[in-house]
């Protein structure tokens, strides 16, 4: 967040009207200076990559915890979630920086990538727990 705050202070965003056709337009928010927009985009991407590498490192280091505490083993699900979020972020980033994509293409693909990443991560983390809970309830009957 500090990177974003500094970026907003250094180069304030300004609205820019983009005409798609004679009767259709949309507004984009761009930095007042184009050179700083790219710098802060790269800094944000580097920060996100560092956080992803750190999460992968933690998932790797805690993989042995599932052998000792099998009841609370989440290492496989955490790994799947991290790699799924990485894949979704790569798709979203590739679409956002693509100069040939129009506004609607960028918007819908990024929204779908975000929804996919969050939904898959939540399902990967909580579906095994719900399944174990249901299995235990059936066993008690």
C-alpha atoms as a PDB file:
ATOM      1  CA  UNK A   1       0.000   0.000   0.000  1.00  0.00           C
ATOM      2  CA  UNK A   2       2.902   2.321   0.624  1.00  0.00           C
ATOM      3  CA  UNK A   3       3.984   1.956  -3.005  1.00  0.00           C
ATOM      4  CA  UNK A   4       0.489   2.893  -4.166  1.00  0.00           C
ATOM      5  CA  UNK A   5       0.269   5.890  -1.835  1.00  0.00           C
ATOM      6  CA  UNK A   6       3.639   7.208  -3.011  1.00  0.00           C
ATOM      7  CA  UNK A   7       2.568   6.651  -6.612  1.00  0.00           C
ATOM      8  CA  UNK A   8      -0.645   8.608  -6.092  1.00  0.00           C
ATOM      9  CA  UNK A   9       1.209  11.464  -4.403  1.00  0.00           C
ATOM     10  CA  UNK A  10       3.962  11.674  -7.031  1.00  0.00           C
ATOM     11  CA  UNK A  11       1.664  11.431 -10.039  1.00  0.00           C
ATOM     12  CA  UNK A  12      -1.980  12.211  -9.410  1.00  0.00           C
ATOM     13  CA  UNK A  13      -4.460  10.270 -11.555  1.00  0.00           C
ATOM     14  CA  UNK A  14      -6.537  12.203 -14.065  1.00  0.00           C
ATOM     15  CA  UNK A  15      -9.627  11.003 -15.938  1.00  0.00           C
ATOM     16  CA  UNK A  16      -9.270  10.579 -19.686  1.00  0.00           C
ATOM     17  CA  UNK A  17     -12.189  10.065 -22.069  1.00  0.00           C
ATOM     18  CA  UNK A  18     -11.721   7.200 -24.531  1.00  0.00           C
ATOM     19  CA  UNK A  19     -14.060   7.191 -27.532  1.00  0.00           C
ATOM     20  CA  UNK A  20     -14.909   3.687 -28.737  1.00  0.00           C
ATOM     21  CA  UNK A  21     -17.319   4.727 -31.457  1.00  0.00           C
ATOM     22  CA  UNK A  22     -19.412   7.731 -32.372  1.00  0.00           C
ATOM     23  CA  UNK A  23     -21.945   7.052 -29.621  1.00  0.00           C
ATOM     24  CA  UNK A  24     -19.921   5.066 -27.079  1.00  0.00           C
ATOM     25  CA  UNK A  25     -17.146   6.147 -24.760  1.00  0.00           C
ATOM     26  CA  UNK A  26     -15.665   5.308 -21.379  1.00  0.00           C
ATOM     27  CA  UNK A  27     -13.379   6.989 -18.894  1.00  0.00           C
ATOM     28  CA  UNK A  28      -9.955   5.734 -17.842  1.00  0.00           C
ATOM     29  CA  UNK A  29      -7.927   6.975 -14.942  1.00  0.00           C
ATOM     30  CA  UNK A  30      -4.285   7.544 -15.876  1.00  0.00           C
ATOM     31  CA  UNK A  31      -1.339   9.068 -14.108  1.00  0.00           C
ATOM     32  CA  UNK A  32      -0.612  12.674 -14.963  1.00  0.00           C
ATOM     33  CA  UNK A  33       2.932  11.633 -15.936  1.00  0.00           C
ATOM     34  CA  UNK A  34       3.230   8.482 -18.075  1.00  0.00           C
ATOM     35  CA  UNK A  35       6.797   7.667 -17.013  1.00  0.00           C
ATOM     36  CA  UNK A  36       5.823   7.336 -13.344  1.00  0.00           C
ATOM     37  CA  UNK A  37       2.810   5.174 -14.188  1.00  0.00           C
ATOM     38  CA  UNK A  38       5.066   2.465 -15.621  1.00  0.00           C
ATOM     39  CA  UNK A  39       7.566   2.740 -12.765  1.00  0.00           C
ATOM     40  CA  UNK A  40       4.920   2.223 -10.098  1.00  0.00           C
ATOM     41  CA  UNK A  41       3.268  -0.567 -12.102  1.00  0.00           C
ATOM     42  CA  UNK A  42       6.613  -2.389 -12.194  1.00  0.00           C
ATOM     43  CA  UNK A  43       7.224  -1.731  -8.478  1.00  0.00           C
ATOM     44  CA  UNK A  44       3.768  -3.088  -7.608  1.00  0.00           C
ATOM     45  CA  UNK A  45       4.389  -6.173  -9.748  1.00  0.00           C
ATOM     46  CA  UNK A  46       7.773  -6.772  -8.080  1.00  0.00           C
ATOM     47  CA  UNK A  47       6.180  -6.445  -4.638  1.00  0.00           C
ATOM     48  CA  UNK A  48       3.395  -8.873  -5.581  1.00  0.00           C
ATOM     49  CA  UNK A  49       5.962 -11.335  -6.951  1.00  0.00           C
ATOM     50  CA  UNK A  50       7.980 -11.096  -3.730  1.00  0.00           C
ATOM     51  CA  UNK A  51       4.852 -11.819  -1.665  1.00  0.00           C
ATOM     52  CA  UNK A  52       4.041 -14.774  -3.915  1.00  0.00           C
ATOM     53  CA  UNK A  53       7.565 -16.172  -3.567  1.00  0.00           C
ATOM     54  CA  UNK A  54       7.358 -15.744   0.204  1.00  0.00           C
ATOM     55  CA  UNK A  55       4.000 -17.566   0.293  1.00  0.00           C
ATOM     56  CA  UNK A  56       5.462 -20.370  -1.817  1.00  0.00           C
ATOM     57  CA  UNK A  57       8.462 -20.574   0.518  1.00  0.00           C
ATOM     58  CA  UNK A  58       6.171 -20.810   3.559  1.00  0.00           C
ATOM     59  CA  UNK A  59       4.068 -23.505   1.881  1.00  0.00           C
ATOM     60  CA  UNK A  60       7.255 -25.427   1.078  1.00  0.00           C
ATOM     61  CA  UNK A  61       8.597 -25.110   4.627  1.00  0.00           C
ATOM     62  CA  UNK A  62       5.330 -26.192   6.247  1.00  0.00           C
ATOM     63  CA  UNK A  63       4.769 -29.186   3.972  1.00  0.00           C
ATOM     64  CA  UNK A  64       6.110 -31.529   6.681  1.00  0.00           C
ATOM     65  CA  UNK A  65       3.519 -30.288   9.181  1.00  0.00           C
ATOM     66  CA  UNK A  66       0.905 -32.441   7.448  1.00  0.00           C
ATOM     67  CA  UNK A  67       2.833 -35.609   8.304  1.00  0.00           C
ATOM     68  CA  UNK A  68       2.813 -34.876  12.035  1.00  0.00           C
ATOM     69  CA  UNK A  69      -0.617 -33.280  12.245  1.00  0.00           C
ATOM     70  CA  UNK A  70      -2.645 -35.065   9.588  1.00  0.00           C
ATOM     71  CA  UNK A  71      -5.923 -33.748  10.984  1.00  0.00           C
ATOM     72  CA  UNK A  72      -4.923 -30.144  10.176  1.00  0.00           C
ATOM     73  CA  UNK A  73      -2.987 -30.730   6.969  1.00  0.00           C
ATOM     74  CA  UNK A  74      -3.550 -27.830   4.591  1.00  0.00           C
ATOM     75  CA  UNK A  75      -0.233 -27.767   2.776  1.00  0.00           C
ATOM     76  CA  UNK A  76      -1.527 -29.260  -0.475  1.00  0.00           C
ATOM     77  CA  UNK A  77      -4.486 -26.910  -0.520  1.00  0.00           C
ATOM     78  CA  UNK A  78      -2.247 -23.912   0.240  1.00  0.00           C
ATOM     79  CA  UNK A  79       0.074 -24.880  -2.588  1.00  0.00           C
ATOM     80  CA  UNK A  80      -2.821 -25.241  -5.014  1.00  0.00           C
ATOM     81  CA  UNK A  81      -4.203 -21.865  -3.942  1.00  0.00           C
ATOM     82  CA  UNK A  82      -0.877 -20.077  -4.337  1.00  0.00           C
ATOM     83  CA  UNK A  83      -0.206 -21.532  -7.784  1.00  0.00           C
ATOM     84  CA  UNK A  84      -3.774 -20.841  -8.898  1.00  0.00           C
ATOM     85  CA  UNK A  85      -3.510 -17.215  -7.785  1.00  0.00           C
ATOM     86  CA  UNK A  86      -0.170 -16.921  -9.599  1.00  0.00           C
ATOM     87  CA  UNK A  87      -1.701 -18.279 -12.806  1.00  0.00           C
ATOM     88  CA  UNK A  88      -4.699 -15.948 -12.539  1.00  0.00           C
ATOM     89  CA  UNK A  89      -2.449 -12.970 -11.807  1.00  0.00           C
ATOM     90  CA  UNK A  90      -0.288 -13.734 -14.836  1.00  0.00           C
ATOM     91  CA  UNK A  91      -3.344 -13.853 -17.077  1.00  0.00           C
ATOM     92  CA  UNK A  92      -4.715 -10.635 -15.604  1.00  0.00           C
ATOM     93  CA  UNK A  93      -1.358  -8.860 -15.908  1.00  0.00           C
ATOM     94  CA  UNK A  94      -0.891  -9.995 -19.516  1.00  0.00           C
ATOM     95  CA  UNK A  95      -4.319  -8.665 -20.432  1.00  0.00           C
ATOM     96  CA  UNK A  96      -3.859  -5.364 -18.571  1.00  0.00           C
ATOM     97  CA  UNK A  97      -0.603  -4.505 -20.325  1.00  0.00           C
ATOM     98  CA  UNK A  98      -1.818  -5.630 -23.756  1.00  0.00           C
ATOM     99  CA  UNK A  99      -2.176  -2.452 -25.825  1.00  0.00           C
ATOM    100  CA  UNK A 100      -4.394  -4.153 -28.423  1.00  0.00           C
ATOM    101  CA  UNK A 101      -7.138  -5.193 -26.008  1.00  0.00           C
ATOM    102  CA  UNK A 102     -10.087  -2.857 -25.649  1.00  0.00           C
ATOM    103  CA  UNK A 103     -11.659  -1.787 -22.368  1.00  0.00           C
ATOM    104  CA  UNK A 104     -14.379  -4.420 -22.245  1.00  0.00           C
ATOM    105  CA  UNK A 105     -11.991  -7.284 -23.000  1.00  0.00           C
ATOM    106  CA  UNK A 106      -9.601  -6.138 -20.282  1.00  0.00           C
ATOM    107  CA  UNK A 107     -12.394  -5.601 -17.777  1.00  0.00           C
ATOM    108  CA  UNK A 108     -14.177  -8.919 -18.222  1.00  0.00           C
ATOM    109  CA  UNK A 109     -11.042 -11.068 -18.386  1.00  0.00           C
ATOM    110  CA  UNK A 110      -9.594  -9.437 -15.259  1.00  0.00           C
ATOM    111  CA  UNK A 111     -12.918  -9.847 -13.414  1.00  0.00           C
ATOM    112  CA  UNK A 112     -13.122 -13.506 -14.446  1.00  0.00           C
ATOM    113  CA  UNK A 113      -9.500 -14.081 -13.358  1.00  0.00           C
ATOM    114  CA  UNK A 114     -10.188 -12.524  -9.942  1.00  0.00           C
ATOM    115  CA  UNK A 115     -13.406 -14.507  -9.463  1.00  0.00           C
ATOM    116  CA  UNK A 116     -11.698 -17.728 -10.562  1.00  0.00           C
ATOM    117  CA  UNK A 117      -8.716 -17.217  -8.244  1.00  0.00           C
ATOM    118  CA  UNK A 118     -10.809 -16.453  -5.168  1.00  0.00           C
ATOM    119  CA  UNK A 119     -13.447 -19.116  -5.803  1.00  0.00           C
ATOM    120  CA  UNK A 120     -10.927 -21.864  -6.518  1.00  0.00           C
ATOM    121  CA  UNK A 121      -8.799 -20.917  -3.512  1.00  0.00           C
ATOM    122  CA  UNK A 122     -11.777 -20.935  -1.158  1.00  0.00           C
ATOM    123  CA  UNK A 123     -13.009 -24.248  -2.542  1.00  0.00           C
ATOM    124  CA  UNK A 124      -9.540 -25.803  -2.341  1.00  0.00           C
ATOM    125  CA  UNK A 125      -9.164 -24.721   1.285  1.00  0.00           C
ATOM    126  CA  UNK A 126     -12.634 -25.408   2.661  1.00  0.00           C
ATOM    127  CA  UNK A 127     -14.119 -28.242   0.589  1.00  0.00           C
ATOM    128  CA  UNK A 128     -11.839 -30.910   2.157  1.00  0.00           C
ATOM    129  CA  UNK A 129     -12.821 -29.681   5.630  1.00  0.00           C
ATOM    130  CA  UNK A 130     -16.523 -29.822   4.790  1.00  0.00           C
ATOM    131  CA  UNK A 131     -16.030 -33.287   3.306  1.00  0.00           C
ATOM    132  CA  UNK A 132     -14.205 -34.479   6.455  1.00  0.00           C
ATOM    133  CA  UNK A 133     -16.939 -32.992   8.650  1.00  0.00           C
ATOM    134  CA  UNK A 134     -19.693 -34.734   6.690  1.00  0.00           C
ATOM    135  CA  UNK A 135     -17.730 -37.982   6.698  1.00  0.00           C
ATOM    136  CA  UNK A 136     -17.318 -37.778  10.488  1.00  0.00           C
ATOM    137  CA  UNK A 137     -21.013 -37.025  10.973  1.00  0.00           C
ATOM    138  CA  UNK A 138     -21.980 -40.061   8.873  1.00  0.00           C
ATOM    139  CA  UNK A 139     -19.552 -42.244  10.814  1.00  0.00           C
ATOM    140  CA  UNK A 140     -21.131 -41.198  14.148  1.00  0.00           C
ATOM    141  CA  UNK A 141     -24.618 -42.226  13.003  1.00  0.00           C
END
